[in-house]
C-alpha atoms as a PDB file:
ATOM      1  CA  MET A   1     -28.980  -2.193 -77.103  1.00  0.00           C
ATOM      2  CA  ASP A   2     -26.289  -2.697 -74.893  1.00  0.00           C
ATOM      3  CA  LEU A   3     -26.126  -2.192 -70.960  1.00  0.00           C
ATOM      4  CA  ARG A   4     -24.565   1.369 -70.905  1.00  0.00           C
ATOM      5  CA  ARG A   5     -27.258   2.449 -73.106  1.00  0.00           C
ATOM      6  CA  THR A   6     -30.049   0.710 -71.346  1.00  0.00           C
ATOM      7  CA  LYS A   7     -29.371   2.615 -68.063  1.00  0.00           C
ATOM      8  CA  LEU A   8     -28.587   5.645 -69.847  1.00  0.00           C
ATOM      9  CA  SER A   9     -32.136   5.533 -71.741  1.00  0.00           C
ATOM     10  CA  GLN A  10     -33.785   5.072 -68.102  1.00  0.00           C
ATOM     11  CA  GLU A  11     -32.077   7.879 -66.463  1.00  0.00           C
ATOM     12  CA  LEU A  12     -33.008  10.168 -69.522  1.00  0.00           C
ATOM     13  CA  ARG A  13     -36.676   9.123 -69.095  1.00  0.00           C
ATOM     14  CA  GLU A  14     -36.501   9.604 -65.313  1.00  0.00           C
ATOM     15  CA  ALA A  15     -34.880  13.513 -65.871  1.00  0.00           C
ATOM     16  CA  ARG A  16     -37.858  13.840 -68.547  1.00  0.00           C
ATOM     17  CA  GLU A  17     -40.525  12.837 -65.472  1.00  0.00           C
ATOM     18  CA  SER A  18     -38.703  15.097 -63.160  1.00  0.00           C
ATOM     19  CA  LEU A  19     -38.600  18.034 -65.372  1.00  0.00           C
ATOM     20  CA  LEU A  20     -42.403  17.785 -66.176  1.00  0.00           C
ATOM     21  CA  ASP A  21     -42.943  17.764 -62.282  1.00  0.00           C
ATOM     22  CA  ILE A  22     -41.576  21.214 -62.010  1.00  0.00           C
ATOM     23  CA  ASN A  23     -44.340  23.824 -60.962  1.00  0.00           C
ATOM     24  CA  PHE A  24     -43.141  27.584 -62.083  1.00  0.00           C
ATOM     25  CA  GLU A  25     -46.398  29.015 -60.625  1.00  0.00           C
ATOM     26  CA  ASN A  26     -46.071  27.492 -57.177  1.00  0.00           C
ATOM     27  CA  SER A  27     -42.194  28.542 -56.033  1.00  0.00           C
ATOM     28  CA  SER A  28     -40.574  31.178 -54.759  1.00  0.00           C
ATOM     29  CA  ASN A  29     -37.668  30.478 -57.060  1.00  0.00           C
ATOM     30  CA  LEU A  30     -37.521  32.359 -60.478  1.00  0.00           C
ATOM     31  CA  PRO A  31     -38.103  29.797 -63.529  1.00  0.00           C
ATOM     32  CA  TYR A  32     -34.983  29.795 -64.553  1.00  0.00           C
ATOM     33  CA  VAL A  33     -33.318  29.019 -61.296  1.00  0.00           C
ATOM     34  CA  GLN A  34     -35.724  25.938 -61.623  1.00  0.00           C
ATOM     35  CA  VAL A  35     -34.636  24.774 -64.730  1.00  0.00           C
ATOM     36  CA  VAL A  36     -30.904  25.219 -63.877  1.00  0.00           C
ATOM     37  CA  GLU A  37     -31.528  23.228 -60.342  1.00  0.00           C
ATOM     38  CA  TRP A  38     -32.890  20.384 -62.537  1.00  0.00           C
ATOM     39  CA  LEU A  39     -30.314  20.492 -65.024  1.00  0.00           C
ATOM     40  CA  MET A  40     -27.600  20.312 -61.997  1.00  0.00           C
ATOM     41  CA  ASP A  41     -29.740  17.784 -60.490  1.00  0.00           C
ATOM     42  CA  ARG A  42     -29.150  15.620 -63.645  1.00  0.00           C
ATOM     43  CA  LYS A  43     -25.743  16.469 -64.720  1.00  0.00           C
ATOM     44  CA  THR A  44     -23.864  13.304 -64.817  1.00  0.00           C
ATOM     45  CA  THR A  45     -26.917  11.807 -66.992  1.00  0.00           C
ATOM     46  CA  PHE A  46     -26.417  14.557 -69.637  1.00  0.00           C
ATOM     47  CA  ASP A  47     -22.548  14.087 -69.218  1.00  0.00           C
ATOM     48  CA  LYS A  48     -22.810  10.402 -70.212  1.00  0.00           C
ATOM     49  CA  CYS A  49     -25.038  11.369 -73.035  1.00  0.00           C
ATOM     50  CA  ASN A  50     -22.534  13.984 -74.438  1.00  0.00           C
ATOM     51  CA  ASN A  51     -19.522  11.316 -74.332  1.00  0.00           C
ATOM     52  CA  LEU A  52     -21.982   8.690 -76.104  1.00  0.00           C
ATOM     53  CA  GLY A  53     -21.374  10.686 -79.338  1.00  0.00           C
ATOM     54  CA  HIS A  54     -23.510   8.965 -82.258  1.00  0.00           C
ATOM     55  CA  GLY A  55     -25.091  12.774 -82.872  1.00  0.00           C
ATOM     56  CA  MET A  56     -26.534  12.649 -79.300  1.00  0.00           C
ATOM     57  CA  VAL A  57     -27.888  16.313 -78.832  1.00  0.00           C
ATOM     58  CA  ASN A  58     -26.062  18.379 -76.084  1.00  0.00           C
ATOM     59  CA  ILE A  59     -29.013  18.740 -73.917  1.00  0.00           C
ATOM     60  CA  TRP A  60     -27.505  21.033 -71.130  1.00  0.00           C
ATOM     61  CA  SER A  61     -26.244  23.366 -73.673  1.00  0.00           C
ATOM     62  CA  SER A  62     -29.319  23.089 -75.652  1.00  0.00           C
ATOM     63  CA  VAL A  63     -31.621  23.953 -72.396  1.00  0.00           C
ATOM     64  CA  VAL A  64     -29.333  26.781 -71.479  1.00  0.00           C
ATOM     65  CA  ARG A  65     -29.282  28.496 -74.925  1.00  0.00           C
ATOM     66  CA  GLU A  66     -33.152  27.932 -75.195  1.00  0.00           C
ATOM     67  CA  MET A  67     -33.529  30.422 -71.912  1.00  0.00           C
ATOM     68  CA  GLU A  68     -31.112  33.099 -72.814  1.00  0.00           C
ATOM     69  CA  GLY A  69     -32.405  36.359 -72.066  1.00  0.00           C
ATOM     70  CA  TYR A  70     -35.072  34.667 -69.613  1.00  0.00           C
ATOM     71  CA  GLN A  71     -32.786  34.775 -66.630  1.00  0.00           C
ATOM     72  CA  LYS A  72     -34.988  37.163 -64.661  1.00  0.00           C
ATOM     73  CA  GLU A  73     -38.006  36.308 -66.101  1.00  0.00           C
ATOM     74  CA  ARG A  74     -41.011  35.784 -63.732  1.00  0.00           C
ATOM     75  CA  ASP A  75     -43.669  35.044 -65.907  1.00  0.00           C
ATOM     76  CA  ALA A  76     -44.592  31.107 -65.449  1.00  0.00           C
ATOM     77  CA  GLU A  77     -46.593  30.711 -68.396  1.00  0.00           C
ATOM     78  CA  ILE A  78     -43.465  31.754 -70.620  1.00  0.00           C
ATOM     79  CA  PHE A  79     -41.447  28.799 -69.112  1.00  0.00           C
ATOM     80  CA  ASN A  80     -44.544  26.423 -69.622  1.00  0.00           C
ATOM     81  CA  GLU A  81     -44.461  27.490 -73.070  1.00  0.00           C
ATOM     82  CA  MET A  82     -40.675  26.507 -73.334  1.00  0.00           C
ATOM     83  CA  MET A  83     -41.527  23.559 -71.482  1.00  0.00           C
ATOM     84  CA  PRO A  84     -42.123  21.301 -74.354  1.00  0.00           C
ATOM     85  CA  VAL A  85     -39.070  22.531 -76.293  1.00  0.00           C
ATOM     86  CA  PHE A  86     -36.793  21.169 -73.374  1.00  0.00           C
ATOM     87  CA  VAL A  87     -39.076  17.957 -73.520  1.00  0.00           C
ATOM     88  CA  GLY A  88     -38.238  17.900 -77.055  1.00  0.00           C
ATOM     89  CA  PHE A  89     -34.249  17.697 -76.245  1.00  0.00           C
ATOM     90  CA  LEU A  90     -34.684  14.958 -74.015  1.00  0.00           C
ATOM     91  CA  ASP A  91     -36.595  13.031 -76.424  1.00  0.00           C
ATOM     92  CA  ILE A  92     -34.405  13.705 -79.324  1.00  0.00           C
ATOM     93  CA  GLY A  93     -31.844  11.812 -76.822  1.00  0.00           C
ATOM     94  CA  LEU A  94     -34.195   8.994 -76.064  1.00  0.00           C
ATOM     95  CA  SER A  95     -35.018   8.298 -79.681  1.00  0.00           C
ATOM     96  CA  ILE A  96     -31.230   8.126 -80.667  1.00  0.00           C
ATOM     97  CA  LEU A  97     -30.316   5.805 -77.572  1.00  0.00           C
ATOM     98  CA  ASP A  98     -33.411   3.522 -78.382  1.00  0.00           C
ATOM     99  CA  GLN A  99     -32.112   2.791 -82.001  1.00  0.00           C
ATOM    100  CA  GLU A 100     -30.992  -0.565 -82.790  1.00  0.00           C
ATOM    101  CA  TYR A 101     -27.255  -0.785 -82.601  1.00  0.00           C
ATOM    102  CA  GLU A 102     -25.253  -3.902 -83.631  1.00  0.00           C
ATOM    103  CA  VAL A 103     -24.291  -5.811 -80.535  1.00  0.00           C
ATOM    104  CA  ARG A 104     -21.151  -8.259 -80.385  1.00  0.00           C
ATOM    105  CA  PRO A 105     -22.132 -11.621 -79.604  1.00  0.00           C
ATOM    106  CA  LEU A 106     -21.853 -12.712 -76.442  1.00  0.00           C
ATOM    107  CA  LEU A 107     -18.880 -14.556 -77.083  1.00  0.00           C
ATOM    108  CA  GLU A 108     -16.985 -11.972 -78.603  1.00  0.00           C
ATOM    109  CA  GLU A 109     -17.645  -9.880 -75.898  1.00  0.00           C
ATOM    110  CA  TYR A 110     -16.282 -12.699 -73.281  1.00  0.00           C
ATOM    111  CA  ILE A 111     -13.133 -13.348 -75.397  1.00  0.00           C
ATOM    112  CA  LEU A 112     -11.873  -9.619 -74.687  1.00  0.00           C
ATOM    113  CA  ARG A 113     -11.851 -10.244 -71.079  1.00  0.00           C
ATOM    114  CA  VAL A 114     -10.354 -13.480 -70.547  1.00  0.00           C
ATOM    115  CA  LYS A 115      -6.727 -13.225 -68.890  1.00  0.00           C
ATOM    116  CA  ASP A 116      -5.268 -16.694 -69.717  1.00  0.00           C
ATOM    117  CA  THR A 117      -2.900 -16.066 -72.699  1.00  0.00           C
ATOM    118  CA  LYS A 118      -3.727 -19.386 -74.322  1.00  0.00           C
ATOM    119  CA  LEU A 119      -7.171 -19.561 -73.514  1.00  0.00           C
ATOM    120  CA  ALA A 120      -7.956 -16.165 -74.927  1.00  0.00           C
ATOM    121  CA  GLU A 121      -6.008 -17.113 -78.103  1.00  0.00           C
ATOM    122  CA  LEU A 122      -7.672 -20.374 -78.546  1.00  0.00           C
ATOM    123  CA  LEU A 123     -10.795 -18.663 -78.211  1.00  0.00           C
ATOM    124  CA  LYS A 124     -10.211 -15.894 -80.513  1.00  0.00           C
ATOM    125  CA  GLU A 125      -9.473 -18.889 -82.960  1.00  0.00           C
ATOM    126  CA  PHE A 126     -12.350 -20.668 -82.177  1.00  0.00           C
ATOM    127  CA  ASN A 127     -14.358 -17.989 -82.943  1.00  0.00           C
ATOM    128  CA  ALA A 128     -12.854 -16.965 -86.400  1.00  0.00           C
ATOM    129  CA  SER A 129     -13.205 -20.401 -87.419  1.00  0.00           C
ATOM    130  CA  LYS A 130     -16.343 -21.680 -86.157  1.00  0.00           C
ATOM    131  CA  ASP A 131     -18.552 -20.823 -89.208  1.00  0.00           C
ATOM    132  CA  SER A 132     -15.826 -22.232 -91.804  1.00  0.00           C
ATOM    133  CA  SER A 133     -14.151 -25.079 -89.983  1.00  0.00           C
ATOM    134  CA  PRO A 134     -16.393 -26.904 -87.891  1.00  0.00           C
ATOM    135  CA  ASN A 135     -14.297 -29.903 -87.319  1.00  0.00           C
ATOM    136  CA  LEU A 136     -10.817 -28.330 -86.332  1.00  0.00           C
ATOM    137  CA  VAL A 137     -13.172 -26.170 -84.320  1.00  0.00           C
ATOM    138  CA  ALA A 138     -14.839 -29.197 -82.408  1.00  0.00           C
ATOM    139  CA  MET A 139     -10.924 -30.577 -81.807  1.00  0.00           C
ATOM    140  CA  GLY A 140      -9.803 -27.573 -80.340  1.00  0.00           C
ATOM    141  CA  PHE A 141     -13.046 -26.906 -78.452  1.00  0.00           C
ATOM    142  CA  ARG A 142     -12.143 -29.700 -76.190  1.00  0.00           C
ATOM    143  CA  THR A 143      -9.204 -27.914 -75.099  1.00  0.00           C
ATOM    144  CA  ILE A 144     -10.722 -25.191 -74.690  1.00  0.00           C
ATOM    145  CA  LEU A 145     -13.121 -26.685 -72.285  1.00  0.00           C
ATOM    146  CA  SER A 146     -10.335 -27.976 -70.402  1.00  0.00           C
ATOM    147  CA  LEU A 147      -8.575 -24.587 -69.917  1.00  0.00           C
ATOM    148  CA  GLU A 148     -11.984 -22.841 -69.126  1.00  0.00           C
ATOM    149  CA  ILE A 149     -12.616 -25.439 -66.200  1.00  0.00           C
ATOM    150  CA  GLN A 150      -8.544 -25.102 -64.727  1.00  0.00           C
ATOM    151  CA  GLU A 151      -9.200 -21.264 -64.928  1.00  0.00           C
ATOM    152  CA  LYS A 152     -12.206 -21.408 -62.849  1.00  0.00           C
ATOM    153  CA  ALA A 153     -10.444 -23.964 -60.955  1.00  0.00           C
ATOM    154  CA  LYS A 154      -7.434 -21.034 -59.931  1.00  0.00           C
ATOM    155  CA  ARG A 155     -10.415 -18.840 -58.770  1.00  0.00           C
ATOM    156  CA  VAL A 156     -12.121 -21.501 -56.667  1.00  0.00           C
ATOM    157  CA  ASN A 157      -9.165 -23.283 -55.229  1.00  0.00           C
ATOM    158  CA  PRO A 158      -5.522 -22.254 -56.660  1.00  0.00           C
ATOM    159  CA  THR A 159      -3.643 -25.709 -55.086  1.00  0.00           C
ATOM    160  CA  SER A 160      -6.376 -28.049 -56.386  1.00  0.00           C
ATOM    161  CA  LYS A 161      -4.989 -30.704 -58.395  1.00  0.00           C
ATOM    162  CA  THR A 162      -7.620 -29.423 -60.970  1.00  0.00           C
ATOM    163  CA  ALA A 163      -5.828 -26.097 -60.668  1.00  0.00           C
ATOM    164  CA  THR A 164      -2.275 -27.216 -61.207  1.00  0.00           C
ATOM    165  CA  ARG A 165      -2.734 -30.297 -63.648  1.00  0.00           C
ATOM    166  CA  THR A 166      -0.375 -29.913 -66.480  1.00  0.00           C
ATOM    167  CA  ASP A 167      -2.306 -32.521 -68.996  1.00  0.00           C
ATOM    168  CA  LEU A 168      -5.356 -30.869 -70.410  1.00  0.00           C
ATOM    169  CA  ALA A 169      -7.232 -34.093 -71.087  1.00  0.00           C
ATOM    170  CA  PRO A 170     -10.638 -32.983 -71.189  1.00  0.00           C
ATOM    171  CA  GLN A 171     -12.242 -36.194 -69.463  1.00  0.00           C
ATOM    172  CA  SER A 172      -9.830 -35.909 -66.652  1.00  0.00           C
ATOM    173  CA  MET A 173     -10.099 -32.625 -65.999  1.00  0.00           C
ATOM    174  CA  ILE A 174     -14.155 -32.716 -65.700  1.00  0.00           C
ATOM    175  CA  ASP A 175     -13.611 -35.398 -63.635  1.00  0.00           C
ATOM    176  CA  SER A 176     -11.012 -33.777 -61.395  1.00  0.00           C
ATOM    177  CA  ALA A 177     -13.351 -31.141 -61.383  1.00  0.00           C
ATOM    178  CA  ARG A 178     -16.442 -32.858 -60.179  1.00  0.00           C
ATOM    179  CA  ASN A 179     -14.428 -34.577 -57.435  1.00  0.00           C
ATOM    180  CA  GLU A 180     -12.808 -31.269 -56.153  1.00  0.00           C
ATOM    181  CA  GLN A 181     -16.457 -29.612 -56.568  1.00  0.00           C
ATOM    182  CA  ILE A 182     -14.772 -26.714 -58.926  1.00  0.00           C
ATOM    183  CA  LEU A 183     -18.094 -26.098 -60.951  1.00  0.00           C
ATOM    184  CA  SER A 184     -21.126 -24.581 -59.558  1.00  0.00           C
ATOM    185  CA  LYS A 185     -23.696 -26.956 -59.363  1.00  0.00           C
ATOM    186  CA  ASP A 186     -25.139 -25.485 -62.399  1.00  0.00           C
ATOM    187  CA  GLU A 187     -22.418 -25.630 -64.478  1.00  0.00           C
ATOM    188  CA  GLN A 188     -21.282 -29.006 -63.615  1.00  0.00           C
ATOM    189  CA  ARG A 189     -24.628 -29.955 -64.763  1.00  0.00           C
ATOM    190  CA  LEU A 190     -24.124 -28.043 -68.034  1.00  0.00           C
ATOM    191  CA  VAL A 191     -20.705 -29.844 -68.686  1.00  0.00           C
ATOM    192  CA  ASP A 192     -22.109 -33.239 -67.887  1.00  0.00           C
ATOM    193  CA  SER A 193     -25.013 -32.808 -70.162  1.00  0.00           C
ATOM    194  CA  PHE A 194     -22.855 -31.447 -73.008  1.00  0.00           C
ATOM    195  CA  VAL A 195     -20.518 -34.491 -72.810  1.00  0.00           C
ATOM    196  CA  SER A 196     -23.099 -37.024 -72.350  1.00  0.00           C
ATOM    197  CA  THR A 197     -25.574 -35.868 -75.339  1.00  0.00           C
ATOM    198  CA  HIS A 198     -22.839 -34.442 -77.754  1.00  0.00           C
ATOM    199  CA  LYS A 199     -20.380 -37.100 -78.198  1.00  0.00           C
ATOM    200  CA  ASP A 200     -20.274 -36.710 -81.827  1.00  0.00           C
ATOM    201  CA  ILE A 201     -19.034 -33.010 -81.331  1.00  0.00           C
ATOM    202  CA  TYR A 202     -16.881 -33.429 -77.827  1.00  0.00           C
ATOM    203  CA  ASP A 203     -15.353 -36.428 -78.501  1.00  0.00           C
ATOM    204  CA  PHE A 204     -16.036 -38.569 -81.654  1.00  0.00           C
ATOM    205  CA  VAL A 205     -14.934 -36.455 -84.166  1.00  0.00           C
ATOM    206  CA  THR A 206     -11.774 -36.647 -82.778  1.00  0.00           C
ATOM    207  CA  HIS A 207     -10.963 -40.422 -82.225  1.00  0.00           C
ATOM    208  CA  ARG A 208     -13.528 -41.926 -84.982  1.00  0.00           C
ATOM    209  CA  PRO A 209     -12.234 -42.327 -88.573  1.00  0.00           C
ATOM    210  CA  THR A 210     -15.651 -41.500 -90.075  1.00  0.00           C
ATOM    211  CA  ILE A 211     -17.236 -38.867 -87.658  1.00  0.00           C
ATOM    212  CA  LEU A 212     -17.378 -35.589 -88.628  1.00  0.00           C
ATOM    213  CA  THR A 213     -19.063 -32.332 -87.103  1.00  0.00           C
ATOM    214  CA  ASP A 214     -21.964 -30.323 -88.696  1.00  0.00           C
ATOM    215  CA  LYS A 215     -21.715 -26.762 -88.789  1.00  0.00           C
ATOM    216  CA  SER A 216     -24.917 -26.317 -86.653  1.00  0.00           C
ATOM    217  CA  GLU A 217     -23.684 -28.382 -83.905  1.00  0.00           C
ATOM    218  CA  VAL A 218     -21.015 -25.400 -83.324  1.00  0.00           C
ATOM    219  CA  ASP A 219     -23.805 -23.668 -82.061  1.00  0.00           C
ATOM    220  CA  THR A 220     -24.083 -26.021 -79.089  1.00  0.00           C
ATOM    221  CA  MET A 221     -20.189 -25.333 -78.262  1.00  0.00           C
ATOM    222  CA  VAL A 222     -20.831 -21.589 -78.209  1.00  0.00           C
ATOM    223  CA  ASP A 223     -23.968 -21.788 -76.030  1.00  0.00           C
ATOM    224  CA  LEU A 224     -21.888 -23.796 -73.273  1.00  0.00           C
ATOM    225  CA  LEU A 225     -18.725 -21.322 -73.624  1.00  0.00           C
ATOM    226  CA  ASN A 226     -21.405 -18.413 -73.149  1.00  0.00           C
ATOM    227  CA  LYS A 227     -22.454 -20.185 -69.548  1.00  0.00           C
ATOM    228  CA  LEU A 228     -19.133 -20.957 -68.443  1.00  0.00           C
ATOM    229  CA  LEU A 229     -17.028 -18.092 -69.208  1.00  0.00           C
ATOM    230  CA  PRO A 230     -18.472 -15.313 -67.334  1.00  0.00           C
ATOM    231  CA  SER A 231     -17.476 -17.210 -64.039  1.00  0.00           C
ATOM    232  CA  ILE A 232     -13.522 -16.963 -64.848  1.00  0.00           C
ATOM    233  CA  ILE A 233     -14.153 -13.098 -66.015  1.00  0.00           C
ATOM    234  CA  ASN A 234     -15.968 -11.341 -63.440  1.00  0.00           C
END
């Protein structure tokens, strides 16, 4: 479930609890007015439900329709009988929200928010080819990593050597970022660890005649990108 649905599901659960907290017997207001007040208090939640689509029930309209003709009814017991129906509308909405939806992988989501044109384009090609062309992907990854570091440098220190470099050689870019403390400690640790433990997919496939990249190793590149990209898109 994505973040919007997760938050909306929580809001609906809170709305459900507040609905069940209504006491029709001990109130000076008509039961109808109490329910309308509850609807108004949760209006933004119900509006978001309506905008979601996916067959979502219109909770507001459903509750109001159920109460038609009872605007002046004072018998609390009648509204107590209606309460399970009101709750049922919320439960339908919750069941729809809690269904499993296909969620795009993190990398795909991040690519959509990358501002630098070249980096965004290379990432799209990387993502499209990672399953079919691991060796070309491994070579392209070197440039992608350099561009990602440079984008971070533009945010941290736009006048730094890392931010203004015209040579995208990855090791030089990494060294420059380390010297100027462009990356956070965790990011620098991730990059250093990747370079030292995955030399075969980071460097050797480009420079050594007999080295090829296994498809499974591409996951390591994707994992590193998923951890670095958030710092240049938020």
